[in-house]
Amino acid sequence: MTGPARWRRFYILKQKHPSLMLLHLAELDTAEHEEAPSRRTPKAIVERSDELVGDIVKALPKNYDLALVSDHGFEQIDHIANLKVMEAADGVTGAINPSGGL
């Protein structure tokens, strides 16, 4: 995007000078939720998000700060440990009270 269309993308930053501006780049998160944990997230989505962040950094007025945060990630789960089943298989008796984690 070039020329006037590109300028319009940053109108709020350049003309309104907000005290706080929050932006959620949702495309990658949406794709990850739909595809995860399959690792098939299109590289183009990651590259586009990176490009948008770069464009925002270039458009920021000199006295502005930027805080870039992320959501969660996704990992392939190959095995889930069922502690009660493992306990029984090992002949462990008594109460087991697992807490936290997966």
PDB file of N, CA and C in Angstrom:
ATOM      1  N   MET A   1       0.857  -1.163   0.000  1.00  0.00           N
ATOM      2  CA  MET A   1       0.000   0.000   0.000  1.00  0.00           C
ATOM      3  C   MET A   1       0.908   1.232   0.000  1.00  0.00           C
ATOM      4  N   THR A   2       0.649   2.141  -0.896  1.00  0.00           N
ATOM      5  CA  THR A   2       1.461   3.347  -0.985  1.00  0.00           C
ATOM      6  C   THR A   2       0.574   4.572  -1.090  1.00  0.00           C
ATOM      7  N   GLY A   3       1.200   5.740  -1.033  1.00  0.00           N
ATOM      8  CA  GLY A   3       0.497   6.997  -1.250  1.00  0.00           C
ATOM      9  C   GLY A   3      -0.571   7.285  -0.223  1.00  0.00           C
ATOM     10  N   PRO A   4      -1.673   7.924  -0.654  1.00  0.00           N
ATOM     11  CA  PRO A   4      -2.730   8.354   0.262  1.00  0.00           C
ATOM     12  C   PRO A   4      -3.339   7.204   1.063  1.00  0.00           C
ATOM     13  N   ALA A   5      -3.478   6.032   0.472  1.00  0.00           N
ATOM     14  CA  ALA A   5      -4.079   4.905   1.197  1.00  0.00           C
ATOM     15  C   ALA A   5      -3.211   4.526   2.395  1.00  0.00           C
ATOM     16  N   ARG A   6      -1.911   4.526   2.207  1.00  0.00           N
ATOM     17  CA  ARG A   6      -1.001   4.198   3.309  1.00  0.00           C
ATOM     18  C   ARG A   6      -1.087   5.272   4.402  1.00  0.00           C
ATOM     19  N   TRP A   7      -1.165   6.532   4.023  1.00  0.00           N
ATOM     20  CA  TRP A   7      -1.255   7.623   4.989  1.00  0.00           C
ATOM     21  C   TRP A   7      -2.513   7.483   5.830  1.00  0.00           C
ATOM     22  N   ARG A   8      -3.626   7.105   5.208  1.00  0.00           N
ATOM     23  CA  ARG A   8      -4.896   6.960   5.925  1.00  0.00           C
ATOM     24  C   ARG A   8      -4.802   5.881   7.002  1.00  0.00           C
ATOM     25  N   ARG A   9      -3.975   4.872   6.781  1.00  0.00           N
ATOM     26  CA  ARG A   9      -3.822   3.802   7.779  1.00  0.00           C
ATOM     27  C   ARG A   9      -3.321   4.350   9.101  1.00  0.00           C
ATOM     28  N   PHE A  10      -2.586   5.431   9.068  1.00  0.00           N
ATOM     29  CA  PHE A  10      -1.987   5.969  10.276  1.00  0.00           C
ATOM     30  C   PHE A  10      -2.580   7.312  10.668  1.00  0.00           C
ATOM     31  N   TYR A  11      -3.769   7.598  10.191  1.00  0.00           N
ATOM     32  CA  TYR A  11      -4.424   8.866  10.461  1.00  0.00           C
ATOM     33  C   TYR A  11      -4.547   9.135  11.957  1.00  0.00           C
ATOM     34  N   ILE A  12      -4.998   8.152  12.713  1.00  0.00           N
ATOM     35  CA  ILE A  12      -5.201   8.356  14.158  1.00  0.00           C
ATOM     36  C   ILE A  12      -3.883   8.710  14.835  1.00  0.00           C
ATOM     37  N   LEU A  13      -2.815   7.977  14.511  1.00  0.00           N
ATOM     38  CA  LEU A  13      -1.514   8.268  15.120  1.00  0.00           C
ATOM     39  C   LEU A  13      -0.994   9.645  14.737  1.00  0.00           C
ATOM     40  N   LYS A  14      -1.118   9.981  13.474  1.00  0.00           N
ATOM     41  CA  LYS A  14      -0.506  11.209  12.973  1.00  0.00           C
ATOM     42  C   LYS A  14      -1.346  12.464  13.225  1.00  0.00           C
ATOM     43  N   GLN A  15      -2.656  12.325  13.291  1.00  0.00           N
ATOM     44  CA  GLN A  15      -3.507  13.503  13.419  1.00  0.00           C
ATOM     45  C   GLN A  15      -4.163  13.637  14.787  1.00  0.00           C
ATOM     46  N   LYS A  16      -4.512  12.556  15.408  1.00  0.00           N
ATOM     47  CA  LYS A  16      -5.244  12.612  16.676  1.00  0.00           C
ATOM     48  C   LYS A  16      -4.330  12.467  17.886  1.00  0.00           C
ATOM     49  N   HIS A  17      -3.155  11.891  17.728  1.00  0.00           N
ATOM     50  CA  HIS A  17      -2.171  11.740  18.804  1.00  0.00           C
ATOM     51  C   HIS A  17      -2.798  11.192  20.083  1.00  0.00           C
ATOM     52  N   PRO A  18      -3.317   9.958  20.044  1.00  0.00           N
ATOM     53  CA  PRO A  18      -3.973   9.408  21.235  1.00  0.00           C
ATOM     54  C   PRO A  18      -2.981   9.201  22.381  1.00  0.00           C
ATOM     55  N   SER A  19      -3.473   9.305  23.602  1.00  0.00           N
ATOM     56  CA  SER A  19      -2.651   9.043  24.780  1.00  0.00           C
ATOM     57  C   SER A  19      -2.371   7.553  24.916  1.00  0.00           C
ATOM     58  N   LEU A  20      -3.323   6.742  24.504  1.00  0.00           N
ATOM     59  CA  LEU A  20      -3.182   5.292  24.546  1.00  0.00           C
ATOM     60  C   LEU A  20      -3.898   4.722  23.343  1.00  0.00           C
ATOM     61  N   MET A  21      -3.244   3.814  22.669  1.00  0.00           N
ATOM     62  CA  MET A  21      -3.867   3.146  21.528  1.00  0.00           C
ATOM     63  C   MET A  21      -3.573   1.665  21.650  1.00  0.00           C
ATOM     64  N   LEU A  22      -4.621   0.862  21.628  1.00  0.00           N
ATOM     65  CA  LEU A  22      -4.480  -0.584  21.721  1.00  0.00           C
ATOM     66  C   LEU A  22      -4.869  -1.192  20.385  1.00  0.00           C
ATOM     67  N   LEU A  23      -4.089  -2.135  19.935  1.00  0.00           N
ATOM     68  CA  LEU A  23      -4.338  -2.768  18.638  1.00  0.00           C
ATOM     69  C   LEU A  23      -4.140  -4.255  18.777  1.00  0.00           C
ATOM     70  N   HIS A  24      -5.095  -5.017  18.324  1.00  0.00           N
ATOM     71  CA  HIS A  24      -4.989  -6.478  18.352  1.00  0.00           C
ATOM     72  C   HIS A  24      -4.907  -6.969  16.912  1.00  0.00           C
ATOM     73  N   LEU A  25      -3.762  -7.538  16.561  1.00  0.00           N
ATOM     74  CA  LEU A  25      -3.602  -8.136  15.232  1.00  0.00           C
ATOM     75  C   LEU A  25      -4.116  -9.570  15.346  1.00  0.00           C
ATOM     76  N   ALA A  26      -5.366  -9.764  15.007  1.00  0.00           N
ATOM     77  CA  ALA A  26      -6.063 -11.017  15.315  1.00  0.00           C
ATOM     78  C   ALA A  26      -5.848 -12.132  14.301  1.00  0.00           C
ATOM     79  N   GLU A  27      -5.344 -11.834  13.129  1.00  0.00           N
ATOM     80  CA  GLU A  27      -5.281 -12.844  12.072  1.00  0.00           C
ATOM     81  C   GLU A  27      -4.437 -14.057  12.461  1.00  0.00           C
ATOM     82  N   LEU A  28      -3.280 -13.833  13.059  1.00  0.00           N
ATOM     83  CA  LEU A  28      -2.415 -14.947  13.438  1.00  0.00           C
ATOM     84  C   LEU A  28      -3.056 -15.781  14.549  1.00  0.00           C
ATOM     85  N   ASP A  29      -3.621 -15.117  15.548  1.00  0.00           N
ATOM     86  CA  ASP A  29      -4.266 -15.838  16.645  1.00  0.00           C
ATOM     87  C   ASP A  29      -5.424 -16.689  16.129  1.00  0.00           C
ATOM     88  N   THR A  30      -6.213 -16.134  15.234  1.00  0.00           N
ATOM     89  CA  THR A  30      -7.339 -16.870  14.657  1.00  0.00           C
ATOM     90  C   THR A  30      -6.849 -18.094  13.902  1.00  0.00           C
ATOM     91  N   ALA A  31      -5.824 -17.911  13.069  1.00  0.00           N
ATOM     92  CA  ALA A  31      -5.280 -19.035  12.302  1.00  0.00           C
ATOM     93  C   ALA A  31      -4.718 -20.107  13.229  1.00  0.00           C
ATOM     94  N   GLU A  32      -4.021 -19.706  14.278  1.00  0.00           N
ATOM     95  CA  GLU A  32      -3.460 -20.672  15.229  1.00  0.00           C
ATOM     96  C   GLU A  32      -4.571 -21.454  15.924  1.00  0.00           C
ATOM     97  N   HIS A  33      -5.650 -20.780  16.320  1.00  0.00           N
ATOM     98  CA  HIS A  33      -6.744 -21.494  16.977  1.00  0.00           C
ATOM     99  C   HIS A  33      -7.404 -22.481  16.018  1.00  0.00           C
ATOM    100  N   GLU A  34      -7.490 -22.135  14.752  1.00  0.00           N
ATOM    101  CA  GLU A  34      -8.118 -23.025  13.774  1.00  0.00           C
ATOM    102  C   GLU A  34      -7.203 -24.173  13.375  1.00  0.00           C
ATOM    103  N   GLU A  35      -5.915 -23.944  13.291  1.00  0.00           N
ATOM    104  CA  GLU A  35      -4.962 -24.928  12.784  1.00  0.00           C
ATOM    105  C   GLU A  35      -4.212 -25.677  13.884  1.00  0.00           C
ATOM    106  N   ALA A  36      -3.998 -25.052  15.046  1.00  0.00           N
ATOM    107  CA  ALA A  36      -3.132 -25.622  16.071  1.00  0.00           C
ATOM    108  C   ALA A  36      -3.659 -26.954  16.545  1.00  0.00           C
ATOM    109  N   PRO A  37      -2.776 -27.796  16.929  1.00  0.00           N
ATOM    110  CA  PRO A  37      -1.332 -27.581  17.013  1.00  0.00           C
ATOM    111  C   PRO A  37      -0.595 -28.057  15.770  1.00  0.00           C
ATOM    112  N   SER A  38      -1.169 -27.899  14.625  1.00  0.00           N
ATOM    113  CA  SER A  38      -0.651 -28.548  13.425  1.00  0.00           C
ATOM    114  C   SER A  38       0.549 -27.879  12.780  1.00  0.00           C
ATOM    115  N   ARG A  39       1.059 -26.811  13.129  1.00  0.00           N
ATOM    116  CA  ARG A  39       2.246 -26.205  12.503  1.00  0.00           C
ATOM    117  C   ARG A  39       2.019 -25.793  11.038  1.00  0.00           C
ATOM    118  N   ARG A  40       0.768 -25.721  10.609  1.00  0.00           N
ATOM    119  CA  ARG A  40       0.505 -25.327   9.231  1.00  0.00           C
ATOM    120  C   ARG A  40       0.159 -23.861   9.097  1.00  0.00           C
ATOM    121  N   THR A  41       0.405 -23.086  10.120  1.00  0.00           N
ATOM    122  CA  THR A  41       0.088 -21.669  10.053  1.00  0.00           C
ATOM    123  C   THR A  41       0.849 -21.056   8.886  1.00  0.00           C
ATOM    124  N   PRO A  42       0.136 -20.470   7.977  1.00  0.00           N
ATOM    125  CA  PRO A  42       0.811 -19.898   6.804  1.00  0.00           C
ATOM    126  C   PRO A  42       1.857 -18.858   7.197  1.00  0.00           C
ATOM    127  N   LYS A  43       3.036 -19.027   6.650  1.00  0.00           N
ATOM    128  CA  LYS A  43       4.139 -18.099   6.918  1.00  0.00           C
ATOM    129  C   LYS A  43       3.735 -16.674   6.525  1.00  0.00           C
ATOM    130  N   ALA A  44       2.891 -16.560   5.524  1.00  0.00           N
ATOM    131  CA  ALA A  44       2.465 -15.244   5.053  1.00  0.00           C
ATOM    132  C   ALA A  44       1.756 -14.446   6.155  1.00  0.00           C
ATOM    133  N   ILE A  45       1.016 -15.115   7.035  1.00  0.00           N
ATOM    134  CA  ILE A  45       0.320 -14.420   8.123  1.00  0.00           C
ATOM    135  C   ILE A  45       1.338 -13.842   9.099  1.00  0.00           C
ATOM    136  N   VAL A  46       2.355 -14.628   9.420  1.00  0.00           N
ATOM    137  CA  VAL A  46       3.393 -14.161  10.331  1.00  0.00           C
ATOM    138  C   VAL A  46       4.143 -12.984   9.703  1.00  0.00           C
ATOM    139  N   GLU A  47       4.482 -13.111   8.431  1.00  0.00           N
ATOM    140  CA  GLU A  47       5.198 -12.039   7.739  1.00  0.00           C
ATOM    141  C   GLU A  47       4.364 -10.772   7.658  1.00  0.00           C
ATOM    142  N   ARG A  48       3.077 -10.893   7.412  1.00  0.00           N
ATOM    143  CA  ARG A  48       2.193  -9.730   7.318  1.00  0.00           C
ATOM    144  C   ARG A  48       2.063  -9.039   8.675  1.00  0.00           C
ATOM    145  N   SER A  49       1.933  -9.813   9.731  1.00  0.00           N
ATOM    146  CA  SER A  49       1.863  -9.229  11.075  1.00  0.00           C
ATOM    147  C   SER A  49       3.147  -8.477  11.389  1.00  0.00           C
ATOM    148  N   ASP A  50       4.281  -9.073  11.032  1.00  0.00           N
ATOM    149  CA  ASP A  50       5.572  -8.430  11.254  1.00  0.00           C
ATOM    150  C   ASP A  50       5.676  -7.124  10.464  1.00  0.00           C
ATOM    151  N   GLU A  51       5.181  -7.144   9.249  1.00  0.00           N
ATOM    152  CA  GLU A  51       5.193  -5.937   8.404  1.00  0.00           C
ATOM    153  C   GLU A  51       4.323  -4.838   9.020  1.00  0.00           C
ATOM    154  N   LEU A  52       3.153  -5.218   9.527  1.00  0.00           N
ATOM    155  CA  LEU A  52       2.264  -4.231  10.145  1.00  0.00           C
ATOM    156  C   LEU A  52       2.906  -3.601  11.376  1.00  0.00           C
ATOM    157  N   VAL A  53       3.553  -4.425  12.206  1.00  0.00           N
ATOM    158  CA  VAL A  53       4.231  -3.884  13.387  1.00  0.00           C
ATOM    159  C   VAL A  53       5.335  -2.924  12.949  1.00  0.00           C
ATOM    160  N   GLY A  54       6.084  -3.288  11.924  1.00  0.00           N
ATOM    161  CA  GLY A  54       7.125  -2.396  11.405  1.00  0.00           C
ATOM    162  C   GLY A  54       6.560  -1.078  10.907  1.00  0.00           C
ATOM    163  N   ASP A  55       5.438  -1.133  10.211  1.00  0.00           N
ATOM    164  CA  ASP A  55       4.793   0.085   9.710  1.00  0.00           C
ATOM    165  C   ASP A  55       4.333   0.977  10.870  1.00  0.00           C
ATOM    166  N   ILE A  56       3.822   0.357  11.912  1.00  0.00           N
ATOM    167  CA  ILE A  56       3.371   1.116  13.078  1.00  0.00           C
ATOM    168  C   ILE A  56       4.554   1.796  13.749  1.00  0.00           C
ATOM    169  N   VAL A  57       5.641   1.075  13.913  1.00  0.00           N
ATOM    170  CA  VAL A  57       6.843   1.655  14.530  1.00  0.00           C
ATOM    171  C   VAL A  57       7.326   2.859  13.729  1.00  0.00           C
ATOM    172  N   LYS A  58       7.314   2.755  12.409  1.00  0.00           N
ATOM    173  CA  LYS A  58       7.748   3.868  11.554  1.00  0.00           C
ATOM    174  C   LYS A  58       6.805   5.067  11.676  1.00  0.00           C
ATOM    175  N   ALA A  59       5.531   4.802  11.918  1.00  0.00           N
ATOM    176  CA  ALA A  59       4.542   5.881  11.967  1.00  0.00           C
ATOM    177  C   ALA A  59       4.436   6.548  13.343  1.00  0.00           C
ATOM    178  N   LEU A  60       4.995   5.929  14.362  1.00  0.00           N
ATOM    179  CA  LEU A  60       4.882   6.497  15.706  1.00  0.00           C
ATOM    180  C   LEU A  60       5.584   7.846  15.795  1.00  0.00           C
ATOM    181  N   PRO A  61       4.950   8.807  16.429  1.00  0.00           N
ATOM    182  CA  PRO A  61       5.636  10.069  16.701  1.00  0.00           C
ATOM    183  C   PRO A  61       6.859   9.799  17.587  1.00  0.00           C
ATOM    184  N   LYS A  62       7.837  10.651  17.522  1.00  0.00           N
ATOM    185  CA  LYS A  62       9.118  10.460  18.214  1.00  0.00           C
ATOM    186  C   LYS A  62       8.979  10.271  19.723  1.00  0.00           C
ATOM    187  N   ASN A  63       8.018  10.931  20.355  1.00  0.00           N
ATOM    188  CA  ASN A  63       7.901  10.860  21.809  1.00  0.00           C
ATOM    189  C   ASN A  63       6.994   9.731  22.298  1.00  0.00           C
ATOM    190  N   TYR A  64       6.596   8.831  21.433  1.00  0.00           N
ATOM    191  CA  TYR A  64       5.717   7.734  21.818  1.00  0.00           C
ATOM    192  C   TYR A  64       6.522   6.506  22.210  1.00  0.00           C
ATOM    193  N   ASP A  65       5.949   5.716  23.120  1.00  0.00           N
ATOM    194  CA  ASP A  65       6.511   4.427  23.497  1.00  0.00           C
ATOM    195  C   ASP A  65       5.629   3.339  22.901  1.00  0.00           C
ATOM    196  N   LEU A  66       6.232   2.201  22.654  1.00  0.00           N
ATOM    197  CA  LEU A  66       5.493   1.071  22.120  1.00  0.00           C
ATOM    198  C   LEU A  66       5.717  -0.120  23.037  1.00  0.00           C
ATOM    199  N   ALA A  67       4.651  -0.760  23.445  1.00  0.00           N
ATOM    200  CA  ALA A  67       4.727  -2.003  24.213  1.00  0.00           C
ATOM    201  C   ALA A  67       4.115  -3.085  23.341  1.00  0.00           C
ATOM    202  N   LEU A  68       4.906  -4.035  22.945  1.00  0.00           N
ATOM    203  CA  LEU A  68       4.444  -5.127  22.084  1.00  0.00           C
ATOM    204  C   LEU A  68       4.348  -6.384  22.938  1.00  0.00           C
ATOM    205  N   VAL A  69       3.154  -6.932  23.031  1.00  0.00           N
ATOM    206  CA  VAL A  69       2.942  -8.132  23.833  1.00  0.00           C
ATOM    207  C   VAL A  69       2.309  -9.202  22.957  1.00  0.00           C
ATOM    208  N   SER A  70       2.419 -10.422  23.407  1.00  0.00           N
ATOM    209  CA  SER A  70       1.830 -11.508  22.633  1.00  0.00           C
ATOM    210  C   SER A  70       0.819 -12.265  23.478  1.00  0.00           C
ATOM    211  N   ASP A  71       0.065 -13.050  22.801  1.00  0.00           N
ATOM    212  CA  ASP A  71      -0.906 -13.924  23.437  1.00  0.00           C
ATOM    213  C   ASP A  71      -0.143 -15.200  23.811  1.00  0.00           C
ATOM    214  N   HIS A  72      -0.786 -16.299  23.826  1.00  0.00           N
ATOM    215  CA  HIS A  72      -0.150 -17.572  24.132  1.00  0.00           C
ATOM    216  C   HIS A  72       0.381 -18.203  22.847  1.00  0.00           C
ATOM    217  N   GLY A  73       1.188 -19.216  22.991  1.00  0.00           N
ATOM    218  CA  GLY A  73       1.668 -19.975  21.849  1.00  0.00           C
ATOM    219  C   GLY A  73       0.963 -21.321  21.789  1.00  0.00           C
ATOM    220  N   PHE A  74       1.324 -22.110  20.804  1.00  0.00           N
ATOM    221  CA  PHE A  74       0.746 -23.438  20.648  1.00  0.00           C
ATOM    222  C   PHE A  74       1.867 -24.450  20.534  1.00  0.00           C
ATOM    223  N   GLU A  75       1.714 -25.575  21.176  1.00  0.00           N
ATOM    224  CA  GLU A  75       2.698 -26.645  21.125  1.00  0.00           C
ATOM    225  C   GLU A  75       1.999 -27.942  20.751  1.00  0.00           C
ATOM    226  N   GLN A  76       2.713 -28.785  20.025  1.00  0.00           N
ATOM    227  CA  GLN A  76       2.221 -30.115  19.695  1.00  0.00           C
ATOM    228  C   GLN A  76       2.272 -30.963  20.967  1.00  0.00           C
ATOM    229  N   ILE A  77       1.179 -31.604  21.300  1.00  0.00           N
ATOM    230  CA  ILE A  77       1.141 -32.496  22.463  1.00  0.00           C
ATOM    231  C   ILE A  77       1.171 -33.918  21.927  1.00  0.00           C
ATOM    232  N   ASP A  78       2.225 -34.637  22.269  1.00  0.00           N
ATOM    233  CA  ASP A  78       2.384 -36.002  21.789  1.00  0.00           C
ATOM    234  C   ASP A  78       1.919 -37.040  22.803  1.00  0.00           C
ATOM    235  N   HIS A  79       1.859 -36.649  24.073  1.00  0.00           N
ATOM    236  CA  HIS A  79       1.510 -37.618  25.106  1.00  0.00           C
ATOM    237  C   HIS A  79       0.920 -36.870  26.304  1.00  0.00           C
ATOM    238  N   ILE A  80      -0.150 -37.406  26.829  1.00  0.00           N
ATOM    239  CA  ILE A  80      -0.727 -36.861  28.050  1.00  0.00           C
ATOM    240  C   ILE A  80      -0.590 -37.938  29.125  1.00  0.00           C
ATOM    241  N   ALA A  81       0.001 -37.580  30.239  1.00  0.00           N
ATOM    242  CA  ALA A  81       0.203 -38.525  31.331  1.00  0.00           C
ATOM    243  C   ALA A  81      -1.021 -38.541  32.232  1.00  0.00           C
ATOM    244  N   ASN A  82      -1.639 -39.700  32.352  1.00  0.00           N
ATOM    245  CA  ASN A  82      -2.740 -39.874  33.288  1.00  0.00           C
ATOM    246  C   ASN A  82      -2.128 -40.479  34.548  1.00  0.00           C
ATOM    247  N   LEU A  83      -1.927 -39.648  35.553  1.00  0.00           N
ATOM    248  CA  LEU A  83      -1.217 -40.086  36.743  1.00  0.00           C
ATOM    249  C   LEU A  83      -1.905 -41.232  37.471  1.00  0.00           C
ATOM    250  N   LYS A  84      -3.222 -41.276  37.472  1.00  0.00           N
ATOM    251  CA  LYS A  84      -3.933 -42.364  38.147  1.00  0.00           C
ATOM    252  C   LYS A  84      -3.703 -43.693  37.435  1.00  0.00           C
ATOM    253  N   VAL A  85      -3.684 -43.677  36.110  1.00  0.00           N
ATOM    254  CA  VAL A  85      -3.408 -44.893  35.342  1.00  0.00           C
ATOM    255  C   VAL A  85      -1.967 -45.332  35.566  1.00  0.00           C
ATOM    256  N   MET A  86      -1.029 -44.383  35.545  1.00  0.00           N
ATOM    257  CA  MET A  86       0.377 -44.704  35.767  1.00  0.00           C
ATOM    258  C   MET A  86       0.584 -45.263  37.174  1.00  0.00           C
ATOM    259  N   GLU A  87      -0.106 -44.687  38.135  1.00  0.00           N
ATOM    260  CA  GLU A  87      -0.024 -45.144  39.528  1.00  0.00           C
ATOM    261  C   GLU A  87      -0.488 -46.597  39.636  1.00  0.00           C
ATOM    262  N   ALA A  88      -1.617 -46.909  39.025  1.00  0.00           N
ATOM    263  CA  ALA A  88      -2.148 -48.276  39.080  1.00  0.00           C
ATOM    264  C   ALA A  88      -1.215 -49.255  38.372  1.00  0.00           C
ATOM    265  N   ALA A  89      -0.664 -48.867  37.225  1.00  0.00           N
ATOM    266  CA  ALA A  89       0.248 -49.739  36.473  1.00  0.00           C
ATOM    267  C   ALA A  89       1.512 -50.047  37.259  1.00  0.00           C
ATOM    268  N   ASP A  90       1.948 -49.130  38.081  1.00  0.00           N
ATOM    269  CA  ASP A  90       3.160 -49.332  38.892  1.00  0.00           C
ATOM    270  C   ASP A  90       2.854 -49.957  40.246  1.00  0.00           C
ATOM    271  N   GLY A  91       1.589 -50.284  40.502  1.00  0.00           N
ATOM    272  CA  GLY A  91       1.212 -50.916  41.755  1.00  0.00           C
ATOM    273  C   GLY A  91       1.211 -49.974  42.949  1.00  0.00           C
ATOM    274  N   VAL A  92       1.173 -48.684  42.700  1.00  0.00           N
ATOM    275  CA  VAL A  92       1.133 -47.705  43.784  1.00  0.00           C
ATOM    276  C   VAL A  92      -0.292 -47.655  44.321  1.00  0.00           C
ATOM    277  N   THR A  93      -0.410 -47.692  45.631  1.00  0.00           N
ATOM    278  CA  THR A  93      -1.738 -47.628  46.235  1.00  0.00           C
ATOM    279  C   THR A  93      -1.865 -46.346  47.051  1.00  0.00           C
ATOM    280  N   GLY A  94      -3.074 -46.010  47.361  1.00  0.00           N
ATOM    281  CA  GLY A  94      -3.317 -44.803  48.138  1.00  0.00           C
ATOM    282  C   GLY A  94      -3.862 -43.700  47.265  1.00  0.00           C
ATOM    283  N   ALA A  95      -4.188 -42.628  47.911  1.00  0.00           N
ATOM    284  CA  ALA A  95      -4.795 -41.486  47.218  1.00  0.00           C
ATOM    285  C   ALA A  95      -3.741 -40.699  46.438  1.00  0.00           C
ATOM    286  N   ILE A  96      -4.136 -40.216  45.288  1.00  0.00           N
ATOM    287  CA  ILE A  96      -3.283 -39.315  44.506  1.00  0.00           C
ATOM    288  C   ILE A  96      -4.122 -38.077  44.212  1.00  0.00           C
ATOM    289  N   ASN A  97      -3.541 -36.942  44.429  1.00  0.00           N
ATOM    290  CA  ASN A  97      -4.241 -35.672  44.212  1.00  0.00           C
ATOM    291  C   ASN A  97      -3.399 -34.776  43.329  1.00  0.00           C
ATOM    292  N   PRO A  98      -3.388 -35.032  42.009  1.00  0.00           N
ATOM    293  CA  PRO A  98      -2.610 -34.165  41.126  1.00  0.00           C
ATOM    294  C   PRO A  98      -3.211 -32.758  41.096  1.00  0.00           C
ATOM    295  N   SER A  99      -2.368 -31.767  40.960  1.00  0.00           N
ATOM    296  CA  SER A  99      -2.874 -30.395  40.875  1.00  0.00           C
ATOM    297  C   SER A  99      -2.051 -29.617  39.874  1.00  0.00           C
ATOM    298  N   GLY A 100      -2.718 -28.810  39.090  1.00  0.00           N
ATOM    299  CA  GLY A 100      -2.045 -27.945  38.124  1.00  0.00           C
ATOM    300  C   GLY A 100      -1.500 -28.723  36.934  1.00  0.00           C
ATOM    301  N   GLY A 101      -1.194 -27.984  35.876  1.00  0.00           N
ATOM    302  CA  GLY A 101      -0.560 -28.564  34.694  1.00  0.00           C
ATOM    303  C   GLY A 101      -1.482 -29.433  33.886  1.00  0.00           C
ATOM    304  N   LEU A 102      -0.884 -30.069  32.911  1.00  0.00           N
ATOM    305  CA  LEU A 102      -1.624 -30.977  32.038  1.00  0.00           C
ATOM    306  C   LEU A 102      -0.918 -32.297  32.060  1.00  0.00           C
TER     307      LEU A 102
END
